[in-house]
Protein backbone atom coordinates (compact mmCIF):
# COMPACT_ATOMS: atom_id res chain seq x y z
CA MET A 1 -15.26 -39.54 -19.51
CA LYS A 2 -15.53 -36.14 -17.96
CA SER A 3 -17.90 -33.63 -20.34
CA PHE A 4 -16.68 -30.48 -21.60
CA LYS A 5 -17.70 -28.31 -19.03
CA GLU A 6 -16.04 -30.70 -15.90
CA THR A 7 -12.70 -30.66 -17.92
CA MET A 8 -13.00 -26.83 -18.06
CA ALA A 9 -14.60 -26.97 -13.95
CA VAL A 10 -11.32 -29.10 -13.15
CA LEU A 11 -9.24 -26.36 -15.33
CA GLN A 12 -10.36 -23.12 -13.79
CA THR A 13 -10.17 -24.42 -10.32
CA ILE A 14 -6.29 -25.28 -11.09
CA GLY A 15 -6.12 -21.79 -12.75
CA ASP A 16 -7.24 -20.25 -9.82
CA ASN A 17 -5.05 -22.29 -7.19
CA MET A 18 -2.17 -21.33 -9.46
CA VAL A 19 -3.13 -17.70 -8.84
CA ASP A 20 -3.79 -18.00 -5.04
CA LEU A 21 -0.30 -19.66 -5.10
CA PHE A 22 1.08 -16.98 -6.95
CA HIS A 23 -0.62 -13.85 -4.96
CA TYR A 24 0.44 -15.60 -1.55
CA LEU A 25 4.38 -16.78 -2.56
CA SER A 26 4.20 -12.90 -4.47
CA LEU A 27 3.33 -11.60 -0.96
CA PHE A 28 5.58 -13.37 0.91
CA VAL A 29 8.44 -12.17 -1.23
CA ILE A 30 6.94 -8.27 -1.11
CA GLY A 31 6.44 -8.60 2.81
CA GLY A 32 10.06 -10.37 3.14
CA THR A 33 11.83 -7.23 1.71
CA ILE A 34 10.25 -4.69 3.01
CA VAL A 35 11.04 -6.63 6.59
CA TRP A 36 14.78 -6.81 5.30
CA SER A 37 15.15 -3.17 4.11
CA ALA A 38 13.54 -2.20 6.99
CA VAL A 39 15.62 -3.96 9.64
CA TYR A 40 18.88 -2.78 6.83
CA GLU A 41 17.78 0.72 7.62
CA TYR A 42 17.50 0.49 11.63
CA ILE A 43 20.79 -1.34 11.93
CA TYR A 44 22.03 1.64 9.88
CA ILE A 45 20.27 4.34 12.43
CA MET A 46 21.51 1.96 15.17
CA SER A 47 24.90 2.30 14.06
CA GLN A 48 24.87 5.86 13.68
CA GLY A 49 23.90 6.38 16.99
CA HIS A 50 20.97 8.68 16.37
CA ALA A 51 18.31 8.60 14.24
CA GLY A 52 17.55 11.82 11.94
CA LEU A 53 13.70 13.35 10.95
CA LYS A 54 14.95 11.62 7.15
CA ASP A 55 15.42 8.09 9.30
CA ILE A 56 12.20 8.30 10.89
CA LEU A 57 10.09 8.87 7.61
CA LEU A 58 11.56 6.75 6.11
CA LEU A 59 10.72 3.87 8.78
CA PHE A 60 7.23 5.20 8.52
CA ILE A 61 7.00 4.65 5.02
CA TYR A 62 8.41 0.68 5.98
CA LEU A 63 5.45 0.49 8.14
CA GLU A 64 3.15 1.56 6.20
CA LEU A 65 4.15 -0.32 3.06
CA GLY A 66 3.96 -3.65 5.83
CA ALA A 67 0.79 -2.61 6.62
CA MET A 68 -0.28 -2.31 3.29
CA VAL A 69 1.03 -6.15 2.73
CA GLY A 70 -0.34 -7.41 5.67
CA ILE A 71 -4.11 -5.85 4.99
CA TYR A 72 -3.95 -7.55 0.97
CA PHE A 73 -2.49 -10.65 2.29
CA LYS A 74 -5.78 -10.57 4.66
CA THR A 75 -8.36 -9.45 2.49
CA HIS A 76 -7.07 -9.55 -1.41
CA ARG A 77 -7.74 -6.15 -1.38
CA LEU A 78 -5.78 -3.09 -1.93
CA PRO A 79 -6.46 -0.52 0.25
CA VAL A 80 -5.98 3.24 -1.72
CA GLN A 81 -5.43 4.69 1.24
CA TYR A 82 -2.56 3.18 2.50
CA LEU A 83 -0.75 3.80 -1.09
CA ILE A 84 -1.87 7.19 -0.81
CA TYR A 85 -0.50 7.82 3.03
CA ILE A 86 3.11 6.32 2.22
CA ALA A 87 2.69 9.15 -1.07
CA ILE A 88 2.04 11.87 1.50
CA THR A 89 4.71 10.66 3.98
CA ALA A 90 7.65 10.12 0.95
CA LEU A 91 6.47 13.81 0.09
CA ALA A 92 6.71 15.30 3.09
CA ARG A 93 10.38 13.72 3.40
CA HIS A 94 11.42 15.11 0.08
CA LEU A 95 9.88 18.25 0.98
CA VAL A 96 12.07 18.27 4.72
CA ILE A 97 14.92 16.76 3.97
CA ASP A 98 15.71 16.73 0.43
CA MET A 99 14.65 20.62 -0.11
CA GLN A 100 17.65 21.84 1.77
CA LYS A 101 19.64 20.48 -0.85
CA VAL A 102 17.62 22.57 -3.81
CA THR A 103 19.62 25.63 -4.57
CA ASP A 104 18.35 26.86 -8.26
CA GLU A 105 15.64 29.97 -9.23
CA PHE A 106 12.83 26.58 -9.46
CA HIS A 107 12.86 26.09 -5.42
CA ILE A 108 9.78 28.05 -4.50
CA TYR A 109 7.70 26.53 -7.64
CA LEU A 110 9.16 23.13 -6.60
CA ILE A 111 8.04 23.26 -3.10
CA VAL A 112 4.74 24.90 -3.86
CA ALA A 113 4.25 21.85 -6.25
CA ILE A 114 4.99 19.38 -3.13
CA VAL A 115 2.85 20.98 -0.86
CA THR A 116 -0.25 21.22 -3.33
CA ALA A 117 0.87 17.51 -3.67
CA ILE A 118 0.01 16.63 0.01
CA LEU A 119 -2.85 19.27 -0.14
CA ILE A 120 -4.43 16.90 -3.00
CA LEU A 121 -3.75 13.53 -1.50
CA SER A 122 -4.71 14.78 2.04
CA LEU A 123 -8.26 15.58 0.22
CA SER A 124 -8.50 12.38 -1.38
CA VAL A 125 -8.22 10.68 1.90
CA LEU A 126 -10.85 12.53 3.22
CA VAL A 127 -12.88 12.23 -0.04
CA PHE A 128 -12.48 8.35 0.22
CA ALA A 129 -13.52 8.70 4.23
CA PHE A 130 -16.39 10.55 3.72
CA THR A 131 -17.51 8.55 0.84
CA ALA A 132 -17.46 5.66 2.80
CA THR A 133 -18.98 6.44 5.92
CA ARG A 134 -21.96 7.82 3.39
CA TYR A 135 -22.30 5.64 0.85
CA GLY A 136 -20.36 2.19 1.59
CA ARG A 137 -17.49 0.46 0.40
CA PRO A 138 -18.09 -1.36 -2.83
CA GLU A 139 -16.03 -3.95 -0.90
CA ASP A 140 -18.30 -4.38 1.47
CA ALA A 141 -21.35 -4.89 -0.84
CA PHE A 142 -18.72 -7.38 -2.63
CA ASP A 143 -18.59 -8.74 1.13
CA ASP A 144 -22.83 -9.26 1.88
CA HIS A 145 -22.87 -10.96 -1.81
CA SER A 146 -20.62 -13.80 -1.07
CA ASP A 147 -21.86 -14.44 2.09
CA ALA A 148 -25.06 -14.50 0.78
CA LYS A 149 -23.82 -17.38 -1.64
CA LYS A 150 -22.20 -19.21 1.53
CA GLU A 151 -25.25 -19.53 3.05
CA SER A 152 -27.76 -21.04 0.14
C-alpha cells in the first residue's frame, strides 16, 4: 500500500500534467485563431485589390500575437514586451485610421492622450531593455537555478 506522501506525489504529477495539457491545448486554440484571423484578413485584402495602412498595421498586430504565442509555447513565459508592442501598434493604428473620423471638440485631447500613451509604452520598453542588460531578467536566474537542479 502506498504511503500518503507517495499518493500526494502521484496526484501532484497528474495535476502538473493536466495543467501542461491545458496550456498546450489553449496555445494551439489561440494560435489557430490568430492564423485563421490573419488569413481571413489577408484574403479580404487580396479581394480589395490593395492594402491600406490600416490593413498592414492589423497584419503586424497578428504577427506580434503569433510571435508572443510562439515564445510562450517554447518558454512557458509571457513576454511582456510583445504585449507592449501590440499595444503601441494598436494605438498607432487607432491614431492613424480612426482619428480621421473624429470631428468633435475633444479631438485634440484624444490625440494627445493616444500620443502620450504611445510615449509611455515606448519608454517602458526602454526601461525593460535597460534593466535586462544591467541587472538581468528574473527568468534568467530561474533558468540557471533549474539547470543546477538538473545537474545535481
